[in-house]
Amino acid sequence: MKVVVPFLVLLVTLSTLPVQALPPSGKSVGNFPVRDPDTDSPLFVVYEMLKAGVETDTGAGLKTYRSLCLPDRKSDPDSMKELEEKEWANLREQGSSYLIHDVHGFKIWVQEMTPGPAYVTKDTKKVYVTLKNQLEPEQRRGLFIVERDRKGEWRLRSVNL
């Protein structure tokens, strides 16, 4: 009985402490800047897509954006119309909010990436990237879903700005 009471007190005390939420399987990583990511990284697609959105030559930017999307997202005229009218227009309007430009060029600020860069392997099929809005940090974060295509290259599945 002497051992049980201190143990119960310790258990109750520990259960009332605030719990820090841990990422699932320890694979989520967050709060890091990215500048010129490797071309074989899912962050390259996000970075290049945002740069395409702020491109002064709209035609060249749209061409780059199309090349970064998964092939099944642009397989028919209706899909292409949706890409251009909704996503591309939204990217042109909101994309610059997620880029920082300084003397070294553009960089993005990743709030969370699941799995993180160190956990992305050749077998990884899908990555979720959440970016911080640089102009209005209290505004909605940008969410990007990047998947591998049939050739094993990273392509954009979804963007939500």
Protein backbone atom coordinates (compact mmCIF):
# COMPACT_ATOMS: atom_id res chain seq x y z
CA MET A 1 0.00 0.00 0.00
CA LYS A 2 2.94 2.33 0.72
CA VAL A 3 4.16 2.02 -2.88
CA VAL A 4 0.72 2.28 -4.50
CA VAL A 5 -0.21 5.72 -3.08
CA PRO A 6 2.92 7.58 -4.32
CA PHE A 7 2.54 5.82 -7.66
CA LEU A 8 -1.08 6.96 -7.97
CA VAL A 9 -0.11 10.53 -7.03
CA LEU A 10 2.61 10.50 -9.66
CA LEU A 11 0.23 9.05 -12.27
CA VAL A 12 -2.43 11.70 -11.59
CA THR A 13 0.17 14.48 -11.67
CA LEU A 14 1.61 13.33 -14.99
CA SER A 15 -1.81 12.91 -16.55
CA THR A 16 -2.67 16.55 -15.85
CA LEU A 17 0.43 17.97 -17.53
CA PRO A 18 -0.03 19.42 -21.03
CA VAL A 19 0.72 16.91 -23.73
CA GLN A 20 2.77 17.86 -26.75
CA ALA A 21 1.28 16.45 -29.94
CA LEU A 22 3.83 14.30 -31.69
CA PRO A 23 3.76 13.87 -35.45
CA PRO A 24 2.53 10.48 -36.66
CA SER A 25 5.37 7.96 -36.71
CA GLY A 26 7.85 10.79 -36.09
CA LYS A 27 7.94 11.55 -39.83
CA SER A 28 6.46 15.06 -39.88
CA VAL A 29 8.94 17.90 -39.88
CA GLY A 30 8.22 21.59 -39.73
CA ASN A 31 9.38 25.17 -39.55
CA PHE A 32 12.27 25.26 -41.97
CA PRO A 33 13.14 27.51 -44.93
CA VAL A 34 13.73 26.17 -48.44
CA ARG A 35 15.74 27.86 -51.16
CA ASP A 36 16.61 26.11 -54.44
CA PRO A 37 15.55 22.57 -53.46
CA ASP A 38 17.00 19.53 -55.22
CA THR A 39 15.24 18.65 -58.46
CA ASP A 40 14.37 15.16 -57.19
CA SER A 41 12.63 16.57 -54.10
CA PRO A 42 8.87 17.08 -53.73
CA LEU A 43 9.71 20.57 -52.46
CA PHE A 44 11.10 21.36 -55.93
CA VAL A 45 7.58 21.03 -57.39
CA VAL A 46 6.10 23.36 -54.76
CA TYR A 47 8.92 25.88 -55.14
CA GLU A 48 8.80 25.92 -58.95
CA MET A 49 5.01 26.09 -58.98
CA LEU A 50 5.01 29.19 -56.79
CA LYS A 51 7.71 30.78 -58.92
CA ALA A 52 5.62 30.05 -62.02
CA GLY A 53 2.69 31.83 -60.35
CA VAL A 54 4.68 35.04 -59.97
CA GLU A 55 6.28 34.81 -63.43
CA THR A 56 5.77 38.05 -65.34
CA ASP A 57 5.28 36.11 -68.60
CA THR A 58 1.89 34.52 -67.92
CA GLY A 59 2.18 32.08 -70.85
CA ALA A 60 5.55 30.76 -69.70
CA GLY A 61 4.30 30.49 -66.11
CA LEU A 62 1.20 28.55 -67.17
CA LYS A 63 3.32 26.20 -69.28
CA THR A 64 5.57 25.51 -66.28
CA TYR A 65 2.54 24.99 -64.04
CA ARG A 66 1.01 22.48 -66.46
CA SER A 67 4.29 20.55 -66.62
CA LEU A 68 4.33 20.25 -62.81
CA CYS A 69 0.81 18.76 -62.56
CA LEU A 70 0.12 15.02 -62.67
CA PRO A 71 -0.86 13.80 -66.14
CA ASP A 72 -4.30 12.56 -65.03
CA ARG A 73 -5.17 16.08 -63.87
CA LYS A 74 -4.83 17.41 -67.41
CA SER A 75 -6.13 14.43 -69.36
CA ASP A 76 -9.23 16.06 -70.84
CA PRO A 77 -10.37 19.58 -71.83
CA ASP A 78 -12.59 19.95 -68.74
CA SER A 79 -9.68 19.18 -66.42
CA MET A 80 -7.44 21.64 -68.25
CA LYS A 81 -10.14 24.31 -68.07
CA GLU A 82 -10.46 23.80 -64.31
CA LEU A 83 -6.67 23.96 -63.89
CA GLU A 84 -6.46 27.22 -65.81
CA GLU A 85 -9.60 28.95 -64.57
CA LYS A 86 -9.51 27.98 -60.91
CA GLU A 87 -6.11 26.80 -59.75
CA TRP A 88 -3.95 28.90 -62.05
CA ALA A 89 -5.97 32.05 -61.35
CA ASN A 90 -5.77 31.36 -57.60
CA LEU A 91 -2.04 30.71 -57.84
CA ARG A 92 -1.50 33.98 -59.73
CA GLU A 93 -3.47 35.84 -57.09
CA GLN A 94 -2.25 34.14 -53.90
CA GLY A 95 1.10 32.51 -54.76
CA SER A 96 3.28 35.50 -53.96
CA SER A 97 2.03 35.39 -50.36
CA TYR A 98 3.98 32.18 -49.82
CA LEU A 99 7.31 33.34 -51.28
CA ILE A 100 9.98 35.47 -49.65
CA HIS A 101 12.26 37.41 -51.98
CA ASP A 102 15.57 38.70 -50.70
CA VAL A 103 19.03 39.40 -52.13
CA HIS A 104 19.60 35.66 -52.68
CA GLY A 105 16.34 35.05 -54.58
CA PHE A 106 13.14 33.28 -53.57
CA LYS A 107 12.59 31.04 -50.59
CA ILE A 108 9.58 29.36 -49.02
CA TRP A 109 8.90 28.62 -45.37
CA VAL A 110 7.64 25.09 -44.71
CA GLN A 111 5.44 24.86 -41.64
CA GLU A 112 4.96 21.12 -41.94
CA MET A 113 6.02 18.38 -44.33
CA THR A 114 4.81 14.80 -43.98
CA PRO A 115 6.97 12.83 -44.38
CA GLY A 116 9.88 15.20 -43.81
CA PRO A 117 12.77 15.47 -46.29
CA ALA A 118 14.92 12.97 -44.38
CA TYR A 119 12.10 10.38 -44.54
CA VAL A 120 11.35 10.67 -48.27
CA THR A 121 12.65 7.58 -50.02
CA LYS A 122 12.32 6.11 -53.50
CA ASP A 123 9.26 4.20 -52.20
CA THR A 124 7.47 7.33 -50.95
CA LYS A 125 4.45 7.95 -53.16
CA LYS A 126 2.84 11.04 -51.61
CA VAL A 127 4.02 14.05 -49.60
CA TYR A 128 1.98 16.75 -47.87
CA VAL A 129 3.57 20.20 -47.63
CA THR A 130 2.10 23.11 -45.67
CA LEU A 131 3.59 26.55 -46.24
CA LYS A 132 3.41 29.65 -44.09
CA ASN A 133 1.70 32.70 -45.59
CA GLN A 134 4.53 35.27 -45.56
CA LEU A 135 2.46 38.42 -46.01
CA GLU A 136 -0.27 37.65 -43.49
CA PRO A 137 0.89 34.87 -41.13
CA GLU A 138 -2.51 34.65 -39.48
CA GLN A 139 -4.10 33.83 -42.85
CA ARG A 140 -4.66 30.35 -44.19
CA ARG A 141 -1.59 28.24 -44.78
CA GLY A 142 -0.95 26.82 -48.24
CA LEU A 143 -1.39 23.07 -48.57
CA PHE A 144 0.24 21.13 -51.41
CA ILE A 145 -0.07 17.43 -52.13
CA VAL A 146 2.74 16.10 -54.29
CA GLU A 147 2.77 12.56 -55.72
CA ARG A 148 5.05 10.48 -57.88
CA ASP A 149 3.89 9.87 -61.44
CA ARG A 150 4.37 6.58 -63.32
CA LYS A 151 7.93 7.56 -64.19
CA GLY A 152 8.75 8.18 -60.52
CA GLU A 153 8.91 11.97 -60.89
CA TRP A 154 7.27 14.30 -58.40
CA ARG A 155 4.16 16.09 -59.69
CA LEU A 156 1.41 18.21 -58.16
CA ARG A 157 -1.79 16.44 -57.10
CA SER A 158 -3.49 19.31 -55.33
CA VAL A 159 -2.95 22.90 -54.19
CA ASN A 160 -5.03 24.83 -51.71
CA LEU A 161 -4.04 28.44 -51.12
